[in-house]
Structures are given as C-alpha cells and as structure tokens.
Amino acid sequence: MSIYYNLYTAILKASSETILSWPQGPNIPFFTIKQTRKSKTNPQCLVITSYSVTPWTADPEIPVLYFSVTRVPDTTTDDNNTYTDDDTDCNSIDLNTLPQDTFLTDPEDIIAELVPEPYADEINKTLPALSQGIHPYTGLPVFFLHPCATQDLLKIIESPDPVLTMYRWLQTFGRVVSLDIPEYVP
C-alpha cells in the first residue's frame, strides 16, 4: 500500500473524526494555511494554499506538497472575515478549496517572507529544494518541494495511526512556511 494512499486515508480519517475539516477535491486533499503574522513593515497576511498530489511520476509512493502564496490585506481574509490582533499574531490553518488570485513568482520570496532569518539556511539544507510549475489539476502556478527526497522522509514519519501520520506530515512540511502544528496525542 502506498504512502500517498496512507496519507490520503489519514486525511479522510481525520475529517471523519472532526479533528480537522478537510474538503475533498478531485481525489486530492486540499488545505489552506493562512500565515497571519504581520509587522509594521509588512502589514499584510500571506495565504499559502497547499495541495498534496502525485504529479508527473509513475511512482505512487511520492506525494508532492504544492503550494501557492497570496497576499491579502491584514483587515480581511479571502472569505471577507475580519482578522483580529490575536489572529494576526500566530499561524492557523483554514481549510478551503477556493483558488487564489495572485502569486509570488520567486521562491526566494517565500523563504525571505516566511522563514525566520536564523532558520532559512537550515531549512534549505534539510528539506528538498523549492521548484516552480503548473499544478496538474488546477492549472494554476504553484511552488512545490522537489519530490526527490520526499519518499524517504515519508517512510520515516509513517505511523500505524493514520491521523498521526498526517500530523507528522504537516509538522514536517509546515516548517517551510513557518507553520506550527500543535502536538497530536492519540
């Protein structure tokens, strides 16, 4: 049984247990990470829309984390909800399947914008390199973590508990966008 299948099963299991609410796309899990950190120099929020699929490869063992980044004003979200100061001081996950309108075009912008300075070099060393491409299902421009080392990493984080596998996956790749996922205790 493929790691991708196990991850997808974990997402569906988490949805059924209402740990997180995961909308379902065309057989692919969609989620949106809202990076809502703001500062005086950057009074905006960044919305990172992420997709986990298996593109351009015959090997179903290699899921790829796709993501795009959208800048939104700090006063409203993409669904017209108002952020409060408490919301903009921390990271959160908001799950939806709505496409975003604008995208950053340089992967270095993501590292510079989202990863604290002391950790940027470390992240580049420990995770696959960022690449750019077109999402195979949505046709939208996206960034993705190069899949070369993804399979080995997922073998490490796989667990008999599929929800724990999902949380480990989010904790691992969330580092790229400075997302902190709380510890999951089964």
C-alpha atoms as a PDB file:
ATOM      1  CA  MET A   1       0.000   0.000   0.000  1.00  0.00           C
ATOM      2  CA  SER A   2       1.491   3.368  -0.997  1.00  0.00           C
ATOM      3  CA  ILE A   3       2.487   6.079   1.441  1.00  0.00           C
ATOM      4  CA  TYR A   4       0.351   8.510  -0.560  1.00  0.00           C
ATOM      5  CA  TYR A   5      -2.691   6.284  -0.086  1.00  0.00           C
ATOM      6  CA  ASN A   6      -1.948   6.072   3.636  1.00  0.00           C
ATOM      7  CA  LEU A   7      -1.665   9.857   3.850  1.00  0.00           C
ATOM      8  CA  TYR A   8      -4.926  10.338   1.982  1.00  0.00           C
ATOM      9  CA  THR A   9      -6.587   7.776   4.270  1.00  0.00           C
ATOM     10  CA  ALA A  10      -5.243   9.730   7.243  1.00  0.00           C
ATOM     11  CA  ILE A  11      -6.813  12.919   5.926  1.00  0.00           C
ATOM     12  CA  LEU A  12     -10.180  11.249   5.431  1.00  0.00           C
ATOM     13  CA  LYS A  13      -9.985   9.626   8.887  1.00  0.00           C
ATOM     14  CA  ALA A  14      -9.176  12.983  10.460  1.00  0.00           C
ATOM     15  CA  SER A  15     -12.131  14.504   8.658  1.00  0.00           C
ATOM     16  CA  SER A  16     -14.484  11.808   9.891  1.00  0.00           C
ATOM     17  CA  GLU A  17     -13.235  12.267  13.447  1.00  0.00           C
ATOM     18  CA  THR A  18     -13.680  16.042  13.101  1.00  0.00           C
ATOM     19  CA  ILE A  19     -10.111  16.674  14.221  1.00  0.00           C
ATOM     20  CA  LEU A  20      -9.811  18.892  11.180  1.00  0.00           C
ATOM     21  CA  SER A  21     -12.340  19.521   8.450  1.00  0.00           C
ATOM     22  CA  TRP A  22     -10.836  18.604   5.079  1.00  0.00           C
ATOM     23  CA  PRO A  23     -12.829  19.491   1.952  1.00  0.00           C
ATOM     24  CA  GLN A  24     -12.369  16.974  -0.828  1.00  0.00           C
ATOM     25  CA  GLY A  25     -11.247  17.950  -4.317  1.00  0.00           C
ATOM     26  CA  PRO A  26     -10.943  15.608  -7.313  1.00  0.00           C
ATOM     27  CA  ASN A  27      -9.433  12.769  -5.263  1.00  0.00           C
ATOM     28  CA  ILE A  28      -6.829  15.089  -3.764  1.00  0.00           C
ATOM     29  CA  PRO A  29      -6.732  16.684  -0.331  1.00  0.00           C
ATOM     30  CA  PHE A  30      -6.791  20.479  -0.329  1.00  0.00           C
ATOM     31  CA  PHE A  31      -5.998  22.725   2.564  1.00  0.00           C
ATOM     32  CA  THR A  32      -5.083  26.362   3.017  1.00  0.00           C
ATOM     33  CA  ILE A  33      -2.510  27.549   5.511  1.00  0.00           C
ATOM     34  CA  LYS A  34      -3.023  31.152   6.494  1.00  0.00           C
ATOM     35  CA  GLN A  35       0.219  32.706   7.648  1.00  0.00           C
ATOM     36  CA  THR A  36      -1.162  35.672   9.539  1.00  0.00           C
ATOM     37  CA  ARG A  37       1.965  37.156  11.033  1.00  0.00           C
ATOM     38  CA  LYS A  38       2.091  40.897  10.450  1.00  0.00           C
ATOM     39  CA  SER A  39       4.618  43.587  11.250  1.00  0.00           C
ATOM     40  CA  LYS A  40       4.952  47.332  10.810  1.00  0.00           C
ATOM     41  CA  THR A  41       6.999  46.797   7.651  1.00  0.00           C
ATOM     42  CA  ASN A  42       4.641  44.190   6.207  1.00  0.00           C
ATOM     43  CA  PRO A  43       1.043  44.867   7.300  1.00  0.00           C
ATOM     44  CA  GLN A  44      -0.281  42.052   5.143  1.00  0.00           C
ATOM     45  CA  CYS A  45      -1.127  38.422   5.599  1.00  0.00           C
ATOM     46  CA  LEU A  46       0.152  35.635   3.419  1.00  0.00           C
ATOM     47  CA  VAL A  47      -2.180  32.839   2.401  1.00  0.00           C
ATOM     48  CA  ILE A  48      -0.446  29.620   1.444  1.00  0.00           C
ATOM     49  CA  THR A  49      -2.729  27.301  -0.486  1.00  0.00           C
ATOM     50  CA  SER A  50      -1.394  23.765  -0.406  1.00  0.00           C
ATOM     51  CA  TYR A  51      -2.201  20.599  -2.322  1.00  0.00           C
ATOM     52  CA  SER A  52      -0.840  17.092  -1.897  1.00  0.00           C
ATOM     53  CA  VAL A  53      -0.873  15.128  -5.122  1.00  0.00           C
ATOM     54  CA  THR A  54       1.321  12.751  -7.114  1.00  0.00           C
ATOM     55  CA  PRO A  55       2.203  14.587 -10.348  1.00  0.00           C
ATOM     56  CA  TRP A  56       4.328  13.736 -13.369  1.00  0.00           C
ATOM     57  CA  THR A  57       5.572  10.431 -11.985  1.00  0.00           C
ATOM     58  CA  ALA A  58       4.683   6.784 -12.324  1.00  0.00           C
ATOM     59  CA  ASP A  59       5.644   6.145  -8.701  1.00  0.00           C
ATOM     60  CA  PRO A  60       2.585   6.430  -6.397  1.00  0.00           C
ATOM     61  CA  GLU A  61       4.921   6.411  -3.378  1.00  0.00           C
ATOM     62  CA  ILE A  62       5.936  10.033  -3.933  1.00  0.00           C
ATOM     63  CA  PRO A  63       3.365  12.622  -2.854  1.00  0.00           C
ATOM     64  CA  VAL A  64       4.344  16.217  -3.563  1.00  0.00           C
ATOM     65  CA  LEU A  65       3.492  19.267  -1.493  1.00  0.00           C
ATOM     66  CA  TYR A  66       2.301  22.011  -3.866  1.00  0.00           C
ATOM     67  CA  PHE A  67       1.650  25.476  -2.544  1.00  0.00           C
ATOM     68  CA  SER A  68       0.949  28.974  -3.776  1.00  0.00           C
ATOM     69  CA  VAL A  69       1.182  32.224  -1.862  1.00  0.00           C
ATOM     70  CA  THR A  70      -1.310  35.081  -1.943  1.00  0.00           C
ATOM     71  CA  ARG A  71      -1.021  38.443  -0.238  1.00  0.00           C
ATOM     72  CA  VAL A  72      -4.218  39.716   1.357  1.00  0.00           C
ATOM     73  CA  PRO A  73      -4.865  42.877   3.390  1.00  0.00           C
ATOM     74  CA  ASP A  74      -4.490  42.432   7.123  1.00  0.00           C
ATOM     75  CA  THR A  75      -8.091  43.502   7.751  1.00  0.00           C
ATOM     76  CA  THR A  76      -9.948  40.889   5.720  1.00  0.00           C
ATOM     77  CA  THR A  77      -9.436  37.311   4.693  1.00  0.00           C
ATOM     78  CA  ASP A  78     -10.236  35.759   1.330  1.00  0.00           C
ATOM     79  CA  ASP A  79     -13.702  34.914   2.663  1.00  0.00           C
ATOM     80  CA  ASN A  80     -14.270  38.503   3.924  1.00  0.00           C
ATOM     81  CA  ASN A  81     -13.858  37.672   7.608  1.00  0.00           C
ATOM     82  CA  THR A  82     -12.042  40.259   9.695  1.00  0.00           C
ATOM     83  CA  TYR A  83      -8.758  39.348  11.369  1.00  0.00           C
ATOM     84  CA  THR A  84      -8.296  40.466  14.943  1.00  0.00           C
ATOM     85  CA  ASP A  85      -4.926  41.324  16.504  1.00  0.00           C
ATOM     86  CA  ASP A  86      -4.954  37.912  18.179  1.00  0.00           C
ATOM     87  CA  ASP A  87      -5.424  36.202  14.799  1.00  0.00           C
ATOM     88  CA  THR A  88      -2.545  38.054  13.208  1.00  0.00           C
ATOM     89  CA  ASP A  89      -0.031  37.164  15.903  1.00  0.00           C
ATOM     90  CA  CYS A  90       0.011  33.435  15.213  1.00  0.00           C
ATOM     91  CA  ASN A  91      -0.294  30.834  12.489  1.00  0.00           C
ATOM     92  CA  SER A  92      -3.510  28.985  11.798  1.00  0.00           C
ATOM     93  CA  ILE A  93      -4.989  26.513   9.362  1.00  0.00           C
ATOM     94  CA  ASP A  94      -8.112  27.479   7.477  1.00  0.00           C
ATOM     95  CA  LEU A  95      -9.353  24.795   5.133  1.00  0.00           C
ATOM     96  CA  ASN A  96     -10.983  25.592   1.800  1.00  0.00           C
ATOM     97  CA  THR A  97     -10.663  24.848  -1.893  1.00  0.00           C
ATOM     98  CA  LEU A  98     -11.046  28.339  -3.319  1.00  0.00           C
ATOM     99  CA  PRO A  99      -8.371  29.318  -5.862  1.00  0.00           C
ATOM    100  CA  GLN A 100      -6.284  32.394  -5.103  1.00  0.00           C
ATOM    101  CA  ASP A 101      -5.862  35.360  -7.452  1.00  0.00           C
ATOM    102  CA  THR A 102      -2.215  36.381  -7.248  1.00  0.00           C
ATOM    103  CA  PHE A 103       1.006  34.507  -6.638  1.00  0.00           C
ATOM    104  CA  LEU A 104       4.550  35.328  -5.663  1.00  0.00           C
ATOM    105  CA  THR A 105       6.878  34.442  -8.511  1.00  0.00           C
ATOM    106  CA  ASP A 106      10.224  33.962  -6.775  1.00  0.00           C
ATOM    107  CA  PRO A 107      10.786  31.017  -4.392  1.00  0.00           C
ATOM    108  CA  GLU A 108      13.334  33.125  -2.504  1.00  0.00           C
ATOM    109  CA  ASP A 109      10.468  35.484  -1.600  1.00  0.00           C
ATOM    110  CA  ILE A 110       8.845  32.650   0.328  1.00  0.00           C
ATOM    111  CA  ILE A 111      11.973  31.906   2.325  1.00  0.00           C
ATOM    112  CA  ALA A 112      12.618  35.608   2.962  1.00  0.00           C
ATOM    113  CA  GLU A 113       8.998  36.356   3.879  1.00  0.00           C
ATOM    114  CA  LEU A 114       8.023  33.347   5.944  1.00  0.00           C
ATOM    115  CA  VAL A 115      11.113  31.746   7.460  1.00  0.00           C
ATOM    116  CA  PRO A 116      12.880  33.493  10.352  1.00  0.00           C
ATOM    117  CA  GLU A 117      16.419  34.538   9.338  1.00  0.00           C
ATOM    118  CA  PRO A 118      18.356  32.126  11.601  1.00  0.00           C
ATOM    119  CA  TYR A 119      16.436  29.126  10.217  1.00  0.00           C
ATOM    120  CA  ALA A 120      16.387  29.852   6.474  1.00  0.00           C
ATOM    121  CA  ASP A 121      19.727  28.153   5.739  1.00  0.00           C
ATOM    122  CA  GLU A 122      18.835  25.146   7.887  1.00  0.00           C
ATOM    123  CA  ILE A 123      15.520  24.638   6.129  1.00  0.00           C
ATOM    124  CA  ASN A 124      17.217  24.747   2.736  1.00  0.00           C
ATOM    125  CA  LYS A 125      19.648  22.065   3.902  1.00  0.00           C
ATOM    126  CA  THR A 126      17.132  19.676   5.462  1.00  0.00           C
ATOM    127  CA  LEU A 127      14.201  19.796   3.044  1.00  0.00           C
ATOM    128  CA  PRO A 128      14.022  19.338  -0.734  1.00  0.00           C
ATOM    129  CA  ALA A 129      14.543  22.438  -2.860  1.00  0.00           C
ATOM    130  CA  LEU A 130      11.656  24.593  -3.959  1.00  0.00           C
ATOM    131  CA  SER A 131      10.625  24.375  -7.602  1.00  0.00           C
ATOM    132  CA  GLN A 132       8.006  26.158  -9.672  1.00  0.00           C
ATOM    133  CA  GLY A 133       5.463  24.697 -12.031  1.00  0.00           C
ATOM    134  CA  ILE A 134       1.832  24.464 -13.041  1.00  0.00           C
ATOM    135  CA  HIS A 135      -0.476  22.416 -10.830  1.00  0.00           C
ATOM    136  CA  PRO A 136      -1.582  19.394 -12.914  1.00  0.00           C
ATOM    137  CA  TYR A 137      -5.249  19.614 -11.824  1.00  0.00           C
ATOM    138  CA  THR A 138      -5.914  23.308 -11.221  1.00  0.00           C
ATOM    139  CA  GLY A 139      -3.658  24.699 -13.957  1.00  0.00           C
ATOM    140  CA  LEU A 140      -2.527  27.438 -11.550  1.00  0.00           C
ATOM    141  CA  PRO A 141       1.114  28.432 -10.998  1.00  0.00           C
ATOM    142  CA  VAL A 142       2.484  26.825  -7.844  1.00  0.00           C
ATOM    143  CA  PHE A 143       5.649  26.202  -5.900  1.00  0.00           C
ATOM    144  CA  PHE A 144       6.440  22.674  -4.823  1.00  0.00           C
ATOM    145  CA  LEU A 145       9.001  20.858  -2.757  1.00  0.00           C
ATOM    146  CA  HIS A 146      11.067  18.790  -5.128  1.00  0.00           C
ATOM    147  CA  PRO A 147       9.991  15.143  -4.683  1.00  0.00           C
ATOM    148  CA  CYS A 148      13.461  13.564  -4.856  1.00  0.00           C
ATOM    149  CA  ALA A 149      13.771  13.034  -1.096  1.00  0.00           C
ATOM    150  CA  THR A 150      10.073  13.048  -0.208  1.00  0.00           C
ATOM    151  CA  GLN A 151       9.585   9.285  -0.285  1.00  0.00           C
ATOM    152  CA  ASP A 152      12.360   8.572   2.229  1.00  0.00           C
ATOM    153  CA  LEU A 153      11.086  11.319   4.508  1.00  0.00           C
ATOM    154  CA  LEU A 154       7.539   9.941   4.455  1.00  0.00           C
ATOM    155  CA  LYS A 155       8.780   6.461   5.355  1.00  0.00           C
ATOM    156  CA  ILE A 156      10.263   7.994   8.493  1.00  0.00           C
ATOM    157  CA  ILE A 157       7.077   9.806   9.544  1.00  0.00           C
ATOM    158  CA  GLU A 158       4.650   6.979   8.699  1.00  0.00           C
ATOM    159  CA  SER A 159       2.788   5.569  11.696  1.00  0.00           C
ATOM    160  CA  PRO A 160       0.224   2.790  12.248  1.00  0.00           C
ATOM    161  CA  ASP A 161      -2.094   5.619  13.338  1.00  0.00           C
ATOM    162  CA  PRO A 162      -3.025   7.392  10.059  1.00  0.00           C
ATOM    163  CA  VAL A 163      -4.008  10.608  11.841  1.00  0.00           C
ATOM    164  CA  LEU A 164      -0.571  10.710  13.487  1.00  0.00           C
ATOM    165  CA  THR A 165       0.980  10.244  10.022  1.00  0.00           C
ATOM    166  CA  MET A 166      -0.988  13.248   8.778  1.00  0.00           C
ATOM    167  CA  TYR A 167       0.090  15.387  11.720  1.00  0.00           C
ATOM    168  CA  ARG A 168       3.735  14.401  11.302  1.00  0.00           C
ATOM    169  CA  TRP A 169       3.487  15.261   7.605  1.00  0.00           C
ATOM    170  CA  LEU A 170       2.039  18.697   8.375  1.00  0.00           C
ATOM    171  CA  GLN A 171       4.625  19.283  11.104  1.00  0.00           C
ATOM    172  CA  THR A 172       7.442  18.382   8.726  1.00  0.00           C
ATOM    173  CA  PHE A 173       6.412  20.398   5.694  1.00  0.00           C
ATOM    174  CA  GLY A 174       4.827  23.185   7.706  1.00  0.00           C
ATOM    175  CA  ARG A 175       8.332  24.306   8.658  1.00  0.00           C
ATOM    176  CA  VAL A 176       8.757  25.619   5.123  1.00  0.00           C
ATOM    177  CA  VAL A 177       6.051  28.205   5.768  1.00  0.00           C
ATOM    178  CA  SER A 178       6.738  28.698   9.498  1.00  0.00           C
ATOM    179  CA  LEU A 179       3.581  26.798  10.413  1.00  0.00           C
ATOM    180  CA  ASP A 180       3.479  25.342  13.900  1.00  0.00           C
ATOM    181  CA  ILE A 181       1.145  22.380  14.284  1.00  0.00           C
ATOM    182  CA  PRO A 182       0.241  21.534  17.893  1.00  0.00           C
ATOM    183  CA  GLU A 183       1.292  18.123  19.150  1.00  0.00           C
ATOM    184  CA  TYR A 184      -1.184  15.376  18.342  1.00  0.00           C
ATOM    185  CA  VAL A 185      -1.865  12.995  21.199  1.00  0.00           C
ATOM    186  CA  PRO A 186      -3.924   9.953  20.164  1.00  0.00           C
END
